[in-house]
N, C-alpha and C. Protein backbone atom coordinates (compact mmCIF):
# COMPACT_ATOMS: atom_id res chain seq x y z
N MET A 1 -14.60 -4.29 9.20
CA MET A 1 -14.16 -2.95 8.80
C MET A 1 -12.97 -3.08 7.83
N LEU A 2 -13.05 -2.39 6.74
CA LEU A 2 -11.98 -2.40 5.75
C LEU A 2 -10.90 -1.42 6.20
N VAL A 3 -9.68 -1.90 6.27
CA VAL A 3 -8.56 -1.06 6.67
C VAL A 3 -8.01 -0.40 5.41
N THR A 4 -7.94 0.92 5.44
CA THR A 4 -7.49 1.66 4.27
C THR A 4 -6.28 2.54 4.61
N ALA A 5 -5.64 3.02 3.57
CA ALA A 5 -4.53 3.96 3.72
C ALA A 5 -4.65 4.99 2.62
N LYS A 6 -4.34 6.23 2.95
CA LYS A 6 -4.38 7.32 1.97
C LYS A 6 -2.98 7.55 1.43
N VAL A 7 -2.86 7.58 0.11
CA VAL A 7 -1.57 7.83 -0.53
C VAL A 7 -1.25 9.32 -0.40
N LEU A 8 -0.15 9.63 0.30
CA LEU A 8 0.21 11.03 0.55
C LEU A 8 1.08 11.61 -0.56
N HIS A 9 2.18 10.93 -0.87
CA HIS A 9 3.08 11.45 -1.91
C HIS A 9 4.10 10.40 -2.33
N LEU A 10 4.84 10.75 -3.37
CA LEU A 10 5.94 9.92 -3.85
C LEU A 10 7.23 10.52 -3.31
N ALA A 11 7.98 9.73 -2.54
CA ALA A 11 9.24 10.20 -1.95
C ALA A 11 10.34 10.22 -3.00
N ARG A 12 11.42 10.90 -2.69
CA ARG A 12 12.56 10.96 -3.61
C ARG A 12 13.16 9.59 -3.88
N SER A 13 12.99 8.67 -2.92
CA SER A 13 13.51 7.31 -3.07
C SER A 13 12.72 6.49 -4.09
N GLY A 14 11.58 7.03 -4.52
CA GLY A 14 10.73 6.30 -5.46
C GLY A 14 9.63 5.52 -4.79
N ARG A 15 9.58 5.57 -3.47
CA ARG A 15 8.54 4.87 -2.73
C ARG A 15 7.36 5.78 -2.46
N LEU A 16 6.19 5.15 -2.34
CA LEU A 16 4.98 5.87 -1.96
C LEU A 16 4.92 5.96 -0.44
N ILE A 17 4.48 7.09 0.07
CA ILE A 17 4.26 7.27 1.50
C ILE A 17 2.76 7.36 1.71
N LEU A 18 2.25 6.52 2.62
CA LEU A 18 0.82 6.44 2.88
C LEU A 18 0.55 6.64 4.37
N HIS A 19 -0.65 7.07 4.71
CA HIS A 19 -1.08 7.20 6.10
C HIS A 19 -2.24 6.23 6.30
N ALA A 20 -2.07 5.28 7.21
CA ALA A 20 -3.06 4.22 7.40
C ALA A 20 -3.99 4.50 8.58
N ASN A 21 -5.15 3.85 8.57
CA ASN A 21 -6.08 3.97 9.70
C ASN A 21 -6.19 2.67 10.46
N GLY A 22 -5.23 1.78 10.31
CA GLY A 22 -5.26 0.50 11.00
C GLY A 22 -3.98 -0.28 10.76
N ASP A 23 -4.06 -1.57 11.05
CA ASP A 23 -2.88 -2.43 10.95
C ASP A 23 -2.63 -2.91 9.53
N PHE A 24 -1.42 -2.76 9.09
CA PHE A 24 -0.94 -3.30 7.82
C PHE A 24 0.36 -4.04 8.12
N MET A 25 0.68 -5.02 7.30
CA MET A 25 1.91 -5.78 7.49
C MET A 25 2.81 -5.62 6.27
N ALA A 26 4.11 -5.71 6.50
CA ALA A 26 5.06 -5.65 5.40
C ALA A 26 4.80 -6.80 4.43
N ASN A 27 5.08 -6.56 3.18
CA ASN A 27 4.92 -7.50 2.07
C ASN A 27 3.48 -7.69 1.60
N ASN A 28 2.52 -6.99 2.22
CA ASN A 28 1.15 -7.04 1.71
C ASN A 28 1.05 -6.20 0.45
N ILE A 29 0.15 -6.57 -0.42
CA ILE A 29 -0.11 -5.82 -1.64
C ILE A 29 -1.29 -4.88 -1.39
N LEU A 30 -1.19 -3.66 -1.89
CA LEU A 30 -2.26 -2.68 -1.76
C LEU A 30 -3.00 -2.57 -3.09
N TYR A 31 -4.32 -2.43 -3.01
CA TYR A 31 -5.19 -2.37 -4.19
C TYR A 31 -5.98 -1.07 -4.19
N ASP A 32 -6.33 -0.61 -5.39
CA ASP A 32 -7.19 0.57 -5.49
C ASP A 32 -8.65 0.14 -5.43
N ASP A 33 -9.57 1.07 -5.67
CA ASP A 33 -11.00 0.76 -5.57
C ASP A 33 -11.49 -0.19 -6.66
N LYS A 34 -10.71 -0.37 -7.72
CA LYS A 34 -11.09 -1.30 -8.79
C LYS A 34 -10.32 -2.62 -8.69
N GLU A 35 -9.72 -2.87 -7.51
CA GLU A 35 -8.97 -4.09 -7.21
C GLU A 35 -7.74 -4.29 -8.11
N ARG A 36 -7.13 -3.19 -8.54
CA ARG A 36 -5.88 -3.26 -9.29
C ARG A 36 -4.72 -3.10 -8.30
N LYS A 37 -3.67 -3.89 -8.48
CA LYS A 37 -2.50 -3.78 -7.63
C LYS A 37 -1.83 -2.43 -7.86
N VAL A 38 -1.55 -1.72 -6.77
CA VAL A 38 -0.90 -0.42 -6.92
C VAL A 38 0.43 -0.32 -6.18
N ALA A 39 0.62 -1.10 -5.10
CA ALA A 39 1.87 -0.99 -4.34
C ALA A 39 2.07 -2.21 -3.45
N LYS A 40 3.34 -2.42 -3.07
CA LYS A 40 3.71 -3.47 -2.13
C LYS A 40 4.34 -2.81 -0.91
N ILE A 41 3.83 -3.13 0.27
CA ILE A 41 4.33 -2.52 1.50
C ILE A 41 5.73 -3.03 1.82
N ILE A 42 6.64 -2.10 2.09
CA ILE A 42 8.00 -2.42 2.46
C ILE A 42 8.21 -2.20 3.96
N GLU A 43 7.67 -1.09 4.48
CA GLU A 43 7.92 -0.74 5.87
C GLU A 43 6.71 -0.04 6.47
N VAL A 44 6.43 -0.33 7.72
CA VAL A 44 5.37 0.34 8.48
C VAL A 44 6.05 1.04 9.66
N PHE A 45 5.77 2.34 9.85
CA PHE A 45 6.44 3.09 10.91
C PHE A 45 5.52 4.15 11.48
N GLY A 46 5.88 4.70 12.64
CA GLY A 46 5.11 5.76 13.26
C GLY A 46 4.20 5.24 14.35
N PRO A 47 3.19 6.03 14.73
CA PRO A 47 2.30 5.65 15.83
C PRO A 47 1.49 4.39 15.50
N ILE A 48 1.22 3.59 16.52
CA ILE A 48 0.55 2.32 16.32
C ILE A 48 -0.88 2.48 15.81
N LYS A 49 -1.61 3.46 16.31
CA LYS A 49 -3.02 3.62 15.93
C LYS A 49 -3.21 4.18 14.52
N SER A 50 -2.26 4.95 14.05
CA SER A 50 -2.36 5.49 12.68
C SER A 50 -0.96 5.56 12.07
N PRO A 51 -0.45 4.41 11.67
CA PRO A 51 0.93 4.35 11.16
C PRO A 51 1.08 4.91 9.75
N TYR A 52 2.33 5.12 9.39
CA TYR A 52 2.67 5.50 8.03
C TYR A 52 3.26 4.27 7.35
N ILE A 53 3.15 4.24 6.03
CA ILE A 53 3.59 3.10 5.25
C ILE A 53 4.51 3.59 4.14
N SER A 54 5.59 2.84 3.94
CA SER A 54 6.46 3.07 2.79
C SER A 54 6.24 1.88 1.86
N ALA A 55 5.90 2.14 0.61
CA ALA A 55 5.56 1.07 -0.32
C ALA A 55 6.17 1.32 -1.69
N VAL A 56 6.50 0.22 -2.36
CA VAL A 56 7.04 0.28 -3.72
C VAL A 56 5.86 0.29 -4.70
N PRO A 57 5.80 1.27 -5.60
CA PRO A 57 4.70 1.30 -6.57
C PRO A 57 4.75 0.10 -7.52
N LEU A 58 3.59 -0.42 -7.85
CA LEU A 58 3.48 -1.51 -8.82
C LEU A 58 2.78 -1.06 -10.09
N THR A 59 2.64 0.24 -10.23
CA THR A 59 1.99 0.82 -11.40
C THR A 59 2.80 2.02 -11.87
N ASP A 60 2.67 2.36 -13.13
CA ASP A 60 3.35 3.55 -13.63
C ASP A 60 2.43 4.77 -13.59
N ARG A 61 1.23 4.59 -13.12
CA ARG A 61 0.26 5.68 -13.02
C ARG A 61 0.16 6.20 -11.58
N ILE A 62 1.28 6.60 -11.05
CA ILE A 62 1.36 6.99 -9.65
C ILE A 62 0.56 8.27 -9.37
N LYS A 63 0.61 9.22 -10.29
CA LYS A 63 -0.09 10.49 -10.07
C LYS A 63 -1.59 10.30 -9.92
N ARG A 64 -2.14 9.26 -10.51
CA ARG A 64 -3.58 9.00 -10.41
C ARG A 64 -4.01 8.51 -9.03
N ILE A 65 -3.08 7.90 -8.28
CA ILE A 65 -3.48 7.36 -6.98
C ILE A 65 -3.11 8.26 -5.81
N ILE A 66 -2.29 9.28 -6.04
CA ILE A 66 -1.94 10.20 -4.96
C ILE A 66 -3.19 10.94 -4.51
N GLY A 67 -3.43 10.90 -3.20
CA GLY A 67 -4.61 11.53 -2.62
C GLY A 67 -5.80 10.60 -2.49
N HIS A 68 -5.70 9.39 -3.04
CA HIS A 68 -6.80 8.42 -2.97
C HIS A 68 -6.50 7.36 -1.92
N ASN A 69 -7.54 6.63 -1.53
CA ASN A 69 -7.40 5.55 -0.57
C ASN A 69 -7.15 4.23 -1.29
N VAL A 70 -6.33 3.41 -0.65
CA VAL A 70 -6.05 2.06 -1.12
C VAL A 70 -6.30 1.12 0.06
N HIS A 71 -6.40 -0.17 -0.24
CA HIS A 71 -6.64 -1.14 0.82
C HIS A 71 -5.88 -2.43 0.56
N SER A 72 -5.76 -3.22 1.61
CA SER A 72 -5.14 -4.53 1.51
C SER A 72 -6.27 -5.53 1.36
N SER A 73 -6.10 -6.46 0.46
CA SER A 73 -7.14 -7.46 0.21
C SER A 73 -6.78 -8.75 0.92
N GLU A 74 -7.79 -9.58 1.19
CA GLU A 74 -7.54 -10.88 1.81
C GLU A 74 -6.67 -11.73 0.90
N ARG A 75 -6.81 -11.56 -0.40
CA ARG A 75 -6.03 -12.38 -1.32
C ARG A 75 -4.55 -12.02 -1.29
N SER A 76 -4.21 -10.83 -0.77
CA SER A 76 -2.80 -10.44 -0.72
C SER A 76 -2.04 -11.17 0.37
N SER A 77 -2.75 -11.76 1.32
CA SER A 77 -2.07 -12.46 2.39
C SER A 77 -1.75 -13.90 2.03
N LYS A 78 -2.25 -14.37 0.90
CA LYS A 78 -1.95 -15.72 0.46
C LYS A 78 -0.52 -15.80 -0.06
N VAL A 79 0.07 -16.96 0.06
CA VAL A 79 1.42 -17.17 -0.44
C VAL A 79 1.32 -17.43 -1.95
N VAL A 80 2.08 -16.68 -2.71
CA VAL A 80 2.07 -16.81 -4.15
C VAL A 80 3.44 -17.29 -4.60
N LYS A 81 3.49 -18.37 -5.33
CA LYS A 81 4.76 -18.89 -5.84
C LYS A 81 5.16 -18.11 -7.08
N SER A 82 6.45 -17.85 -7.19
CA SER A 82 6.92 -17.12 -8.36
C SER A 82 6.95 -18.04 -9.57
N ARG A 83 6.71 -17.46 -10.73
CA ARG A 83 6.75 -18.23 -11.97
C ARG A 83 8.16 -18.25 -12.50
N LYS A 84 8.52 -19.36 -13.15
CA LYS A 84 9.85 -19.46 -13.75
C LYS A 84 9.75 -19.57 -15.24
């Protein structure tokens, strides 16, 4: 089963607020339906069965993803070394 989250709105802090239907972990990357990176999870809070997520947007097209579902990919759990 693919775990998804619906993008609810953009908070005043600049973070996206999402409502999830399963487990997500901090620092995971969220992808849209075309596998484009859209956000990085900073905090997971609220009820365990359907938590809320606070995430930093990784795109400047935030209005396009509000109201849509995003998901965490298996590739987001891999360790990625930063480039210098």
